[in-house]
Amino acid sequence: ILYILRKSSRRRLVTMLGGTFHNLDNELSFVRRSLSVFQAGDLLLLDVATVAAPADRPDLIRKLDPRLSGAIPADWTQPFDEWLGGPLRRYGQDVESVTFRSELTLRNCIPGSYCIEYLADVTTPAGKRSFAMHHWKRYDTAALSQALRESGWETLVVLPFSDNYPRVLLLACKSH
């Protein structure tokens, strides 16, 4: 993507599936800069998780979002926690315990969206330290579509596709 694409009569499709989009520090900067080389008519397909409640209602988010409400069963979280905690236990000096917690963050570059930070609390004889290990972003699809429109991508369709947690496929077309 770091070079200028030759003019083409073919429509190209950029896919960002499996949480790729939410792993970006600044999604809009990526769209504006890295996807600027694409031509009008090219397509962008995003797989994103949607908000459980409006971003201006943190009390409701904490109640309804499974990552914050405790609704995710331990048999789902335990293997993930073991995997994330493995390096901390193996390479940390005098680690007594590693526990995980989710924390809501309302600062996000996409209006109406929020982020859940997954923090590891590591206890050693010297005290307790916290480390940011992972994050999940949740998007308001109308606000995401508006942000994409302002960046030159027009949303064509938004399709829900997951039973476990509300996720959508969003297909957008480069407009200019």
Protein backbone atom coordinates (compact mmCIF):
# COMPACT_ATOMS: atom_id res chain seq x y z
CA ILE A 1 0.00 0.00 0.00
CA LEU A 2 3.00 2.30 0.39
CA TYR A 3 3.29 3.02 -3.30
CA ILE A 4 1.01 4.69 -5.81
CA LEU A 5 -1.18 2.11 -7.47
CA ARG A 6 -1.38 2.24 -11.24
CA LYS A 7 -4.67 3.28 -12.76
CA SER A 8 -6.77 0.19 -13.20
CA SER A 9 -10.15 -0.60 -14.66
CA ARG A 10 -10.52 -3.32 -12.01
CA ARG A 11 -12.17 -2.67 -8.69
CA ARG A 12 -9.95 -3.58 -5.73
CA LEU A 13 -11.12 -4.87 -2.34
CA VAL A 14 -9.29 -4.02 0.89
CA THR A 15 -10.25 -6.46 3.67
CA MET A 16 -9.70 -5.84 7.36
CA LEU A 17 -11.16 -8.86 9.13
CA GLY A 18 -10.63 -10.53 12.49
CA GLY A 19 -10.29 -7.37 14.54
CA THR A 20 -7.61 -5.83 12.31
CA PHE A 21 -9.31 -2.43 12.17
CA HIS A 22 -9.74 -2.12 15.93
CA ASN A 23 -6.08 -2.99 16.51
CA LEU A 24 -5.02 0.27 14.87
CA ASP A 25 -4.10 3.07 17.26
CA ASN A 26 -5.78 5.65 15.04
CA GLU A 27 -8.20 4.13 12.55
CA LEU A 28 -9.03 7.38 10.77
CA SER A 29 -5.38 8.26 10.26
CA PHE A 30 -4.83 4.85 8.69
CA VAL A 31 -7.83 5.28 6.38
CA ARG A 32 -6.83 8.82 5.38
CA ARG A 33 -3.15 8.09 4.84
CA SER A 34 -2.62 4.44 4.00
CA LEU A 35 -5.79 3.93 1.99
CA SER A 36 -5.46 7.23 0.11
CA VAL A 37 -3.78 5.47 -2.83
CA PHE A 38 -6.97 3.64 -3.75
CA GLN A 39 -9.20 4.89 -6.57
CA ALA A 40 -12.84 5.86 -6.66
CA GLY A 41 -14.86 2.66 -6.86
CA ASP A 42 -12.44 0.52 -4.83
CA LEU A 43 -14.00 -1.27 -1.85
CA LEU A 44 -13.19 -1.54 1.86
CA LEU A 45 -14.59 -4.42 3.94
CA LEU A 46 -14.37 -4.06 7.72
CA ASP A 47 -15.28 -6.55 10.46
CA VAL A 48 -16.06 -4.53 13.59
CA ALA A 49 -17.73 -5.07 16.96
CA THR A 50 -20.61 -2.73 17.72
CA VAL A 51 -21.39 -0.74 20.85
CA ALA A 52 -23.49 -2.36 23.57
CA ALA A 53 -24.86 1.06 24.57
CA PRO A 54 -24.26 4.71 23.63
CA ALA A 55 -20.78 5.98 24.51
CA ASP A 56 -22.28 8.75 26.63
CA ARG A 57 -23.84 6.12 28.92
CA PRO A 58 -20.85 4.42 30.64
CA ASP A 59 -23.13 2.98 33.34
CA LEU A 60 -25.18 1.19 30.68
CA ILE A 61 -22.06 0.06 28.79
CA ARG A 62 -20.69 -1.54 31.98
CA LYS A 63 -24.01 -3.32 32.48
CA LEU A 64 -24.55 -4.52 28.89
CA ASP A 65 -21.11 -5.13 27.38
CA PRO A 66 -20.14 -8.77 28.07
CA ARG A 67 -16.46 -7.89 28.59
CA LEU A 68 -17.38 -5.48 31.38
CA SER A 69 -20.46 -7.12 32.89
CA GLY A 70 -18.83 -10.49 33.61
CA ALA A 71 -21.12 -12.28 31.15
CA ILE A 72 -18.26 -14.05 29.38
CA PRO A 73 -17.86 -17.53 30.88
CA ALA A 74 -14.59 -18.40 32.62
CA ASP A 75 -13.98 -21.32 30.24
CA TRP A 76 -13.68 -18.71 27.46
CA THR A 77 -11.49 -16.24 29.37
CA GLN A 78 -9.20 -18.66 31.21
CA PRO A 79 -7.20 -19.88 28.16
CA PHE A 80 -6.81 -16.28 26.97
CA ASP A 81 -5.65 -15.17 30.42
CA GLU A 82 -3.16 -18.04 30.62
CA TRP A 83 -1.78 -17.19 27.19
CA LEU A 84 -1.46 -13.44 27.95
CA GLY A 85 -0.09 -14.06 31.44
CA GLY A 86 2.44 -16.66 30.34
CA PRO A 87 5.28 -14.25 29.47
CA LEU A 88 4.64 -12.21 32.64
CA ARG A 89 4.90 -15.35 34.79
CA ARG A 90 7.89 -16.77 32.91
CA TYR A 91 9.99 -13.63 32.58
CA GLY A 92 8.81 -11.44 35.44
CA GLN A 93 11.04 -11.32 38.48
CA ASP A 94 9.49 -12.84 41.65
CA VAL A 95 5.93 -12.79 40.26
CA GLU A 96 3.49 -13.88 42.96
CA SER A 97 0.28 -13.46 41.01
CA VAL A 98 -1.16 -12.22 37.72
CA THR A 99 -4.82 -11.21 37.53
CA PHE A 100 -6.75 -9.59 34.70
CA ARG A 101 -9.42 -6.93 34.58
CA SER A 102 -11.30 -4.97 31.95
CA GLU A 103 -11.52 -1.20 32.04
CA LEU A 104 -13.77 1.05 29.97
CA THR A 105 -12.07 3.86 28.04
CA LEU A 106 -14.26 6.44 26.35
CA ARG A 107 -11.45 8.19 24.47
CA ASN A 108 -11.57 6.99 20.90
CA CYS A 109 -10.93 8.68 17.56
CA ILE A 110 -14.29 7.45 16.19
CA PRO A 111 -17.13 9.45 17.79
CA GLY A 112 -19.71 7.36 19.65
CA SER A 113 -17.32 4.44 20.04
CA TYR A 114 -15.45 3.15 23.07
CA CYS A 115 -12.58 0.87 24.00
CA ILE A 116 -12.17 -1.84 26.60
CA GLU A 117 -8.62 -2.10 27.89
CA TYR A 118 -7.56 -5.51 29.23
CA LEU A 119 -5.08 -4.97 32.05
CA ALA A 120 -2.82 -7.43 33.84
CA ASP A 121 -2.21 -6.70 37.52
CA VAL A 122 1.12 -8.27 38.47
CA THR A 123 1.99 -8.67 42.14
CA THR A 124 5.61 -9.08 43.27
CA PRO A 125 7.29 -8.59 46.66
CA ALA A 126 8.08 -5.05 45.48
CA GLY A 127 4.40 -4.23 44.95
CA LYS A 128 1.73 -4.29 42.29
CA ARG A 129 2.06 -3.05 38.70
CA SER A 130 -0.49 -2.93 35.88
CA PHE A 131 0.22 -3.63 32.22
CA ALA A 132 -2.04 -3.00 29.23
CA MET A 133 -2.19 -6.37 27.48
CA HIS A 134 -4.97 -6.07 24.91
CA HIS A 135 -7.93 -3.96 23.92
CA TRP A 136 -11.24 -4.27 22.15
CA LYS A 137 -12.93 -1.37 20.40
CA ARG A 138 -16.68 -1.11 19.91
CA TYR A 139 -18.09 1.09 17.16
CA ASP A 140 -21.31 2.99 16.63
CA THR A 141 -21.84 2.05 12.98
CA ALA A 142 -23.61 5.30 12.04
CA ALA A 143 -20.76 7.37 13.51
CA LEU A 144 -18.16 5.09 11.90
CA SER A 145 -19.90 5.48 8.54
CA GLN A 146 -19.88 9.27 8.95
CA ALA A 147 -16.17 9.27 9.84
CA LEU A 148 -15.42 7.08 6.82
CA ARG A 149 -17.52 9.38 4.58
CA GLU A 150 -15.46 12.35 5.76
CA SER A 151 -12.34 10.35 4.82
CA GLY A 152 -13.55 9.58 1.31
CA TRP A 153 -15.29 6.22 1.80
CA GLU A 154 -19.07 5.87 1.44
CA THR A 155 -20.73 3.02 3.36
CA LEU A 156 -22.71 0.75 1.04
CA VAL A 157 -24.03 -1.84 3.49
CA VAL A 158 -23.73 -2.90 7.13
CA LEU A 159 -24.45 -6.58 7.78
CA PRO A 160 -24.73 -8.14 11.28
CA PHE A 161 -23.08 -11.57 11.40
CA SER A 162 -22.31 -12.86 14.89
CA ASP A 163 -24.37 -14.55 17.59
CA ASN A 164 -21.72 -14.36 20.35
CA TYR A 165 -21.19 -10.61 20.36
CA PRO A 166 -22.74 -8.03 18.03
CA ARG A 167 -20.41 -7.67 15.08
CA VAL A 168 -20.97 -6.32 11.61
CA LEU A 169 -19.38 -6.41 8.22
CA LEU A 170 -19.24 -2.89 6.83
CA LEU A 171 -18.66 -2.47 3.10
CA ALA A 172 -17.59 0.97 1.91
CA CYS A 173 -16.69 2.36 -1.52
CA LYS A 174 -13.97 4.93 -2.21
CA SER A 175 -15.81 8.03 -3.37
CA HIS A 176 -12.95 10.27 -4.54
